Amino acid sequence: MATIREIAEKLGVSISTVSKGLNGANDVSAELRQKILDTAVEMGYVTKRMKKEEHKKLCVFVENMDYESANQFGYDIILGFRQAAYRDNWHVEVLPITPGFQTKEKYDTFMLKNGYSGAFLVGFALQDEWMKQLESTGIPTVLFDNFIRKNPNVAYIGTDSFEGIDTAIEHLTQLGHTRIAFLNGSLHSMITEQRQQAFYDSMAAHNLVLQDELVANGYYVAESAKDFVPSFLKNKATAIVCGNDLLAYGTIKECEKCGYRVPEDVSVIGFDDLPLSAYTTPALTTIRQDRLELGKCGYMALHSLMNHVSVSKTLLRPEFVIRNSTAKAVDR
C-alpha cells in the first residue's frame, strides 16, 4: 500500500502538496490535483478516512434506471443492496449519473476523492465511458447486467436470461405456438444481447423456425410496442415474448388496438415481474427476477471483492410466473 511520501517522490512534489491534492485544497491547481489522484490510484493508496469504521462508504451509481418508488424496476435492487450493506455498518450513497458526467470525471479518481471503498453500478450501457475505465480499475466494483473480462476487481450479478427465455418458449410450445415473435430493447446493452441470443437458442432447441420479420429491437418502454406489434400481427404471430414487462404492457394495448384479444388471439409474455404485472388486464405471464435478492447479491459480491476474493459472475435463477396473458394457440 502506497504512502503520501511515496506519491510525492514519484511526482517530484512535496508531501504537503500531495496531502492538499488528496483533500481538495483550493491552493492546488485542478490539473495537479488530478495528477495526484491518478498517481494515488495507480499506486494503490487508501486514505485514512476510508480505513476508519465511521467513514465506511459505498456508492450505488445509477444510470438510465428508475428507482425512487416501489413500482419502479430499480427500487428493490437498491433496497436489497442497502439492507445487506447495513448489517456490516456500511453507509451507502446513491448517485444518479449521466454519460456526460462520466466524460468529465474519471471513475477511479472520483471514488478516491470521495472516500468510497467500492461501488455497485446499475443501468449502464456498453458504450459508457466508465465501462472502458473499469477494464483496468483496481477498485472493488460490481456491475448489474454488465460484465468486464479479465479484471479480478470487477464482478457481475444478474438473472439467468437463457433459462428464463427458454422456460417461456417451452411454455408456449406446450400451448401449440410455433410462430413466436420477440420484441426486445436496444442492442446497446449486454442484457439485451443476452436475451436476444437466448431467444435464438431456445427457438432452435425447440425445432422452431426463426422468422426475421418476427424479431425487433426497440426500447424498453411501453410506447415502443406500437412500432413493431402491428407488423408481428400482420405476419401471423400467435405469441409475443418481450424483453421486459414495460414492452409487454405496450404489446397488450397494441394488440387490442389492432382488434386482437390477449390471450384468446395472441399470447404475451414479459420479463421482470414488476409489481404492476399482476394487475394488468389480463394479468401478465412473465419471467420473474427477484430484484431484492439481486441487490443483496450485489453487496455480497462487492464484499467478496473488498476482501480479496475475486468473484466473476453471480447469476440468480429466474422464476416463470403463469398468469392470464397466455393461452393455447389458434390457427390464424
Protein backbone atom coordinates (compact mmCIF):
# COMPACT_ATOMS: atom_id res chain seq x y z
CA MET A 1 0.00 0.00 0.00
CA ALA A 2 1.48 3.36 -1.05
CA THR A 3 2.14 6.26 1.31
CA ILE A 4 1.82 10.00 0.72
CA ARG A 5 5.62 10.25 0.83
CA GLU A 6 5.97 7.66 -1.97
CA ILE A 7 3.42 9.52 -4.10
CA ALA A 8 5.29 12.77 -3.52
CA GLU A 9 8.59 11.19 -4.50
CA LYS A 10 7.15 9.78 -7.70
CA LEU A 11 5.68 13.13 -8.71
CA GLY A 12 8.60 15.22 -7.51
CA VAL A 13 6.43 17.42 -5.28
CA SER A 14 6.22 17.99 -1.54
CA ILE A 15 4.34 15.76 0.89
CA SER A 16 2.15 18.71 1.85
CA THR A 17 1.21 19.27 -1.80
CA VAL A 18 0.15 15.63 -2.16
CA SER A 19 -1.86 15.88 1.07
CA LYS A 20 -3.60 19.03 -0.14
CA GLY A 21 -4.34 17.43 -3.50
CA LEU A 22 -5.88 14.38 -1.89
CA ASN A 23 -8.04 16.52 0.38
CA GLY A 24 -9.23 19.02 -2.25
CA ALA A 25 -7.40 22.13 -1.04
CA ASN A 26 -8.06 25.27 -3.08
CA ASP A 27 -4.39 26.24 -3.43
CA VAL A 28 -3.61 23.19 -5.58
CA SER A 29 -4.49 23.54 -9.25
CA ALA A 30 -7.15 21.26 -10.75
CA GLU A 31 -4.56 19.82 -13.13
CA LEU A 32 -2.10 18.96 -10.36
CA ARG A 33 -4.83 17.57 -8.14
CA GLN A 34 -5.97 15.26 -10.91
CA LYS A 35 -2.39 14.12 -11.42
CA ILE A 36 -2.02 13.42 -7.68
CA LEU A 37 -5.30 11.47 -7.61
CA ASP A 38 -4.38 9.47 -10.72
CA THR A 39 -0.99 8.58 -9.22
CA ALA A 40 -2.57 7.65 -5.88
CA VAL A 41 -4.98 5.30 -7.61
CA GLU A 42 -2.18 3.79 -9.69
CA MET A 43 -0.07 3.14 -6.57
CA GLY A 44 -2.96 1.68 -4.56
CA TYR A 45 -3.18 4.47 -1.98
CA VAL A 46 -6.06 4.30 0.54
CA THR A 47 -6.98 7.37 2.56
CA LYS A 48 -7.10 7.24 6.35
CA ARG A 49 -10.75 8.28 6.15
CA MET A 50 -11.56 5.20 4.07
CA LYS A 51 -9.91 2.99 6.72
CA LYS A 52 -11.94 4.35 9.63
CA GLU A 53 -15.07 2.47 10.68
CA GLU A 54 -17.17 5.64 10.93
CA HIS A 55 -16.31 6.61 7.36
CA LYS A 56 -17.05 3.29 5.64
CA LYS A 57 -18.77 4.38 2.44
CA LEU A 58 -20.05 2.58 -0.64
CA CYS A 59 -21.72 4.13 -3.66
CA VAL A 60 -24.51 2.92 -5.92
CA PHE A 61 -24.22 4.65 -9.29
CA VAL A 62 -27.47 4.67 -11.27
CA GLU A 63 -27.84 5.48 -14.95
CA ASN A 64 -30.96 5.16 -17.10
CA MET A 65 -33.00 3.32 -14.46
CA ASP A 66 -35.97 4.41 -12.35
CA TYR A 67 -35.60 3.52 -8.68
CA GLU A 68 -37.35 6.05 -6.43
CA SER A 69 -40.75 4.34 -5.97
CA ALA A 70 -41.70 0.74 -5.17
CA ASN A 71 -43.31 0.23 -8.61
CA GLN A 72 -40.06 1.04 -10.43
CA PHE A 73 -37.56 -1.57 -11.55
CA GLY A 74 -34.51 -0.35 -9.64
CA TYR A 75 -36.21 0.25 -6.28
CA ASP A 76 -35.87 -3.27 -4.86
CA ILE A 77 -32.35 -3.71 -6.26
CA ILE A 78 -31.06 -0.68 -4.37
CA LEU A 79 -33.11 -1.55 -1.28
CA GLY A 80 -31.64 -5.07 -1.19
CA PHE A 81 -28.10 -3.70 -1.55
CA ARG A 82 -28.65 -1.21 1.26
CA GLN A 83 -30.19 -3.81 3.55
CA ALA A 84 -27.24 -6.17 3.13
CA ALA A 85 -24.64 -3.41 3.49
CA TYR A 86 -26.29 -2.03 6.63
CA ARG A 87 -25.60 -5.25 8.51
CA ASP A 88 -21.88 -4.64 8.04
CA ASN A 89 -22.16 -0.98 9.09
CA TRP A 90 -21.60 0.48 5.64
CA HIS A 91 -23.02 3.86 4.69
CA VAL A 92 -24.46 3.66 1.17
CA GLU A 93 -24.86 6.71 -1.05
CA VAL A 94 -26.98 6.52 -4.22
CA LEU A 95 -25.82 8.77 -7.04
CA PRO A 96 -27.65 9.15 -10.37
CA ILE A 97 -25.19 9.99 -13.15
CA THR A 98 -25.19 10.63 -16.89
CA PRO A 99 -22.86 9.69 -19.76
CA GLY A 100 -21.68 13.31 -19.76
CA PHE A 101 -20.66 13.07 -16.11
CA GLN A 102 -18.51 10.06 -16.97
CA THR A 103 -16.54 12.01 -19.55
CA LYS A 104 -15.76 14.73 -17.02
CA GLU A 105 -14.89 12.53 -14.04
CA LYS A 106 -12.54 9.56 -14.08
CA TYR A 107 -14.02 6.62 -12.22
CA ASP A 108 -11.02 5.74 -10.03
CA THR A 109 -10.21 9.29 -9.01
CA PHE A 110 -13.85 10.11 -8.30
CA MET A 111 -14.02 7.09 -5.99
CA LEU A 112 -10.80 8.05 -4.23
CA LYS A 113 -11.52 11.72 -3.65
CA ASN A 114 -15.00 10.93 -2.30
CA GLY A 115 -13.78 8.20 0.03
CA TYR A 116 -15.75 5.30 -1.46
CA SER A 117 -14.35 1.83 -0.76
CA GLY A 118 -16.38 0.15 -3.51
CA ALA A 119 -19.31 0.64 -5.86
CA PHE A 120 -22.34 -1.03 -7.40
CA LEU A 121 -23.24 0.16 -10.93
CA VAL A 122 -26.76 -0.34 -12.31
CA GLY A 123 -28.31 0.72 -15.60
CA PHE A 124 -25.07 1.32 -17.51
CA ALA A 125 -24.69 0.86 -21.28
CA LEU A 126 -21.86 -0.93 -23.03
CA GLN A 127 -20.58 2.25 -24.70
CA ASP A 128 -20.36 4.28 -21.46
CA GLU A 129 -17.00 5.87 -20.74
CA TRP A 130 -16.69 4.28 -17.31
CA MET A 131 -17.17 0.82 -18.80
CA LYS A 132 -13.87 1.28 -20.64
CA GLN A 133 -12.15 2.52 -17.49
CA LEU A 134 -13.38 -0.47 -15.49
CA GLU A 135 -11.19 -2.73 -17.60
CA SER A 136 -8.20 -1.58 -15.55
CA THR A 137 -9.67 -0.33 -12.27
CA GLY A 138 -8.22 -1.56 -9.01
CA ILE A 139 -11.31 -0.53 -7.02
CA PRO A 140 -13.80 -3.26 -6.00
CA THR A 141 -16.76 -2.79 -8.33
CA VAL A 142 -19.90 -4.81 -9.06
CA LEU A 143 -21.98 -4.40 -12.21
CA PHE A 144 -25.64 -5.28 -12.63
CA ASP A 145 -26.25 -6.87 -16.05
CA ASN A 146 -22.81 -5.95 -17.41
CA PHE A 147 -19.51 -7.80 -17.44
CA ILE A 148 -15.85 -6.79 -17.61
CA ARG A 149 -13.45 -9.52 -18.72
CA LYS A 150 -10.12 -10.30 -17.09
CA ASN A 151 -10.29 -7.79 -14.25
CA PRO A 152 -10.28 -9.53 -10.85
CA ASN A 153 -11.58 -6.34 -9.20
CA VAL A 154 -14.89 -6.28 -11.10
CA ALA A 155 -17.80 -8.71 -10.74
CA TYR A 156 -21.14 -9.18 -12.48
CA ILE A 157 -24.51 -10.09 -10.99
CA GLY A 158 -27.77 -10.74 -12.80
CA THR A 159 -30.53 -13.22 -13.61
CA ASP A 160 -30.05 -16.16 -15.98
CA SER A 161 -31.69 -14.85 -19.16
CA PHE A 162 -31.08 -18.09 -21.04
CA GLU A 163 -33.01 -20.19 -18.54
CA GLY A 164 -35.76 -17.57 -18.31
CA ILE A 165 -36.35 -17.21 -22.05
CA ASP A 166 -36.11 -20.96 -22.58
CA THR A 167 -38.80 -21.55 -19.96
CA ALA A 168 -41.07 -19.08 -21.76
CA ILE A 169 -40.56 -20.77 -25.14
CA GLU A 170 -41.16 -24.18 -23.55
CA HIS A 171 -44.45 -22.89 -22.12
CA LEU A 172 -45.57 -21.54 -25.49
CA THR A 173 -44.68 -24.71 -27.39
CA GLN A 174 -46.72 -26.72 -24.91
CA LEU A 175 -49.63 -24.45 -25.81
CA GLY A 176 -49.09 -25.19 -29.51
CA HIS A 177 -47.42 -21.94 -30.59
CA THR A 178 -44.93 -22.07 -33.44
CA ARG A 179 -45.00 -18.51 -34.82
CA ILE A 180 -43.43 -16.74 -31.86
CA ALA A 181 -42.28 -13.12 -32.07
CA PHE A 182 -39.65 -11.45 -29.91
CA LEU A 183 -39.74 -7.74 -29.06
CA ASN A 184 -36.55 -6.61 -27.34
CA GLY A 185 -34.85 -3.41 -26.24
CA SER A 186 -31.91 -1.57 -27.77
CA LEU A 187 -28.85 -3.63 -28.63
CA HIS A 188 -26.56 -1.17 -26.79
CA SER A 189 -26.58 -3.29 -23.63
CA MET A 190 -25.23 -6.66 -22.66
CA ILE A 191 -28.53 -7.89 -21.22
CA THR A 192 -30.40 -7.10 -24.47
CA GLU A 193 -27.89 -9.08 -26.46
CA GLN A 194 -28.09 -11.98 -24.00
CA ARG A 195 -31.87 -12.15 -24.13
CA GLN A 196 -31.84 -11.98 -27.91
CA GLN A 197 -29.32 -14.82 -28.14
CA ALA A 198 -31.34 -16.77 -25.59
CA PHE A 199 -34.41 -16.43 -27.84
CA TYR A 200 -32.46 -17.64 -30.89
CA ASP A 201 -31.01 -20.59 -28.96
CA SER A 202 -34.33 -21.63 -27.46
CA MET A 203 -36.18 -21.45 -30.78
CA ALA A 204 -33.52 -23.71 -32.31
CA ALA A 205 -33.63 -26.10 -29.34
CA HIS A 206 -37.39 -26.49 -29.80
CA ASN A 207 -37.01 -27.02 -33.58
CA LEU A 208 -38.91 -23.81 -34.34
CA VAL A 209 -38.16 -21.78 -37.46
CA LEU A 210 -36.82 -18.32 -36.66
CA GLN A 211 -38.65 -15.68 -38.72
CA ASP A 212 -36.67 -12.45 -39.23
CA GLU A 213 -39.89 -10.47 -39.55
CA LEU A 214 -40.88 -11.63 -36.06
CA VAL A 215 -37.82 -10.21 -34.25
CA ALA A 216 -37.44 -6.50 -33.50
CA ASN A 217 -35.41 -4.14 -31.31
CA GLY A 218 -36.96 -1.00 -29.91
CA TYR A 219 -36.56 0.49 -26.46
CA TYR A 220 -37.51 -0.80 -23.01
CA VAL A 221 -40.62 1.39 -22.82
CA ALA A 222 -44.29 0.56 -23.46
CA GLU A 223 -44.58 3.10 -26.29
CA SER A 224 -42.05 1.14 -28.35
CA ALA A 225 -44.60 -1.63 -28.94
CA LYS A 226 -46.65 0.44 -31.39
CA ASP A 227 -43.74 0.48 -33.85
CA PHE A 228 -43.48 -3.31 -34.15
CA VAL A 229 -46.57 -5.17 -32.92
CA PRO A 230 -48.78 -4.39 -35.95
CA SER A 231 -46.10 -5.97 -38.19
CA PHE A 232 -45.91 -9.03 -35.92
CA LEU A 233 -49.68 -9.47 -36.17
CA LYS A 234 -49.64 -8.93 -39.94
CA ASN A 235 -47.06 -11.72 -40.17
CA LYS A 236 -49.36 -14.04 -38.18
CA ALA A 237 -47.54 -14.22 -34.85
CA THR A 238 -49.64 -16.11 -32.30
CA ALA A 239 -47.36 -15.27 -29.35
CA ILE A 240 -45.05 -12.35 -28.49
CA VAL A 241 -42.23 -12.64 -25.96
CA CYS A 242 -40.99 -9.27 -24.69
CA GLY A 243 -37.61 -8.23 -23.30
CA ASN A 244 -39.23 -6.62 -20.27
CA ASP A 245 -42.64 -6.07 -18.69
CA LEU A 246 -42.99 -2.50 -19.94
CA LEU A 247 -42.78 -3.71 -23.53
CA ALA A 248 -45.33 -6.40 -22.67
CA TYR A 249 -47.77 -3.80 -21.29
CA GLY A 250 -47.48 -1.86 -24.53
CA THR A 251 -47.84 -5.04 -26.58
CA ILE A 252 -51.13 -5.95 -24.90
CA LYS A 253 -52.54 -2.48 -25.59
CA GLU A 254 -51.34 -2.50 -29.18
CA CYS A 255 -52.89 -5.93 -29.82
CA GLU A 256 -56.21 -4.60 -28.55
CA LYS A 257 -55.94 -1.52 -30.79
CA CYS A 258 -55.40 -3.83 -33.77
CA GLY A 259 -58.51 -5.86 -32.89
CA TYR A 260 -56.78 -8.87 -31.33
CA ARG A 261 -57.63 -10.29 -27.92
CA VAL A 262 -54.99 -11.32 -25.37
CA PRO A 263 -54.72 -14.24 -24.77
CA GLU A 264 -57.51 -15.62 -26.98
CA ASP A 265 -55.87 -14.48 -30.24
CA VAL A 266 -52.31 -13.64 -29.15
CA SER A 267 -50.31 -14.73 -26.11
CA VAL A 268 -47.94 -12.21 -24.48
CA ILE A 269 -45.04 -12.85 -22.06
CA GLY A 270 -42.90 -10.27 -20.25
CA PHE A 271 -39.64 -10.31 -18.32
CA ASP A 272 -39.03 -8.89 -14.80
CA ASP A 273 -42.37 -9.28 -12.98
CA LEU A 274 -42.81 -5.67 -11.92
CA PRO A 275 -45.40 -5.14 -9.16
CA LEU A 276 -47.99 -3.92 -11.68
CA SER A 277 -47.75 -7.09 -13.76
CA ALA A 278 -50.17 -8.96 -11.50
CA TYR A 279 -52.79 -6.25 -12.04
CA THR A 280 -52.72 -5.62 -15.79
CA THR A 281 -55.70 -6.71 -17.89
CA PRO A 282 -55.11 -9.56 -18.43
CA ALA A 283 -52.62 -10.26 -15.65
CA LEU A 284 -49.22 -10.73 -17.26
CA THR A 285 -47.42 -14.05 -17.63
CA THR A 286 -43.77 -13.16 -17.10
CA ILE A 287 -40.25 -14.20 -16.11
CA ARG A 288 -39.56 -13.01 -12.59
CA GLN A 289 -36.30 -11.50 -11.42
CA ASP A 290 -36.00 -11.38 -7.63
CA ARG A 291 -34.71 -7.81 -7.54
CA LEU A 292 -34.38 -7.63 -3.76
CA GLU A 293 -32.10 -10.68 -3.80
CA LEU A 294 -30.20 -9.24 -6.77
CA GLY A 295 -29.39 -6.19 -4.67
CA LYS A 296 -28.25 -8.37 -1.78
CA CYS A 297 -26.10 -10.43 -4.14
CA GLY A 298 -24.61 -7.20 -5.43
CA TYR A 299 -23.41 -6.38 -1.94
CA MET A 300 -22.20 -9.93 -1.27
CA ALA A 301 -20.13 -9.85 -4.47
CA LEU A 302 -18.72 -6.45 -3.54
CA HIS A 303 -17.94 -7.64 -0.01
CA SER A 304 -16.02 -10.57 -1.51
CA LEU A 305 -14.01 -8.28 -3.79
CA MET A 306 -13.16 -5.94 -0.91
CA ASN A 307 -11.85 -8.95 0.97
CA HIS A 308 -9.70 -10.02 -1.99
CA VAL A 309 -11.96 -12.87 -3.14
CA SER A 310 -12.10 -12.47 -6.91
CA VAL A 311 -15.74 -13.14 -7.83
CA SER A 312 -16.54 -13.23 -11.55
CA LYS A 313 -20.24 -13.89 -12.20
CA THR A 314 -23.24 -14.49 -9.94
CA LEU A 315 -26.49 -15.47 -11.68
CA LEU A 316 -29.81 -15.95 -9.91
CA ARG A 317 -32.36 -18.37 -11.28
CA PRO A 318 -35.49 -16.78 -12.78
CA GLU A 319 -39.00 -17.92 -11.87
CA PHE A 320 -41.63 -18.37 -14.56
CA VAL A 321 -44.93 -16.87 -13.41
CA ILE A 322 -48.01 -18.05 -15.32
CA ARG A 323 -50.97 -15.67 -15.21
CA ASN A 324 -53.68 -14.85 -17.75
CA SER A 325 -51.89 -13.45 -20.81
CA THR A 326 -51.06 -16.81 -22.41
CA ALA A 327 -53.39 -19.47 -23.85
CA LYS A 328 -53.50 -22.21 -26.48
CA ALA A 329 -52.52 -21.18 -29.98
CA VAL A 330 -55.26 -20.52 -32.51
CA ASP A 331 -54.97 -21.07 -36.26
CA ARG A 332 -54.68 -17.67 -37.93
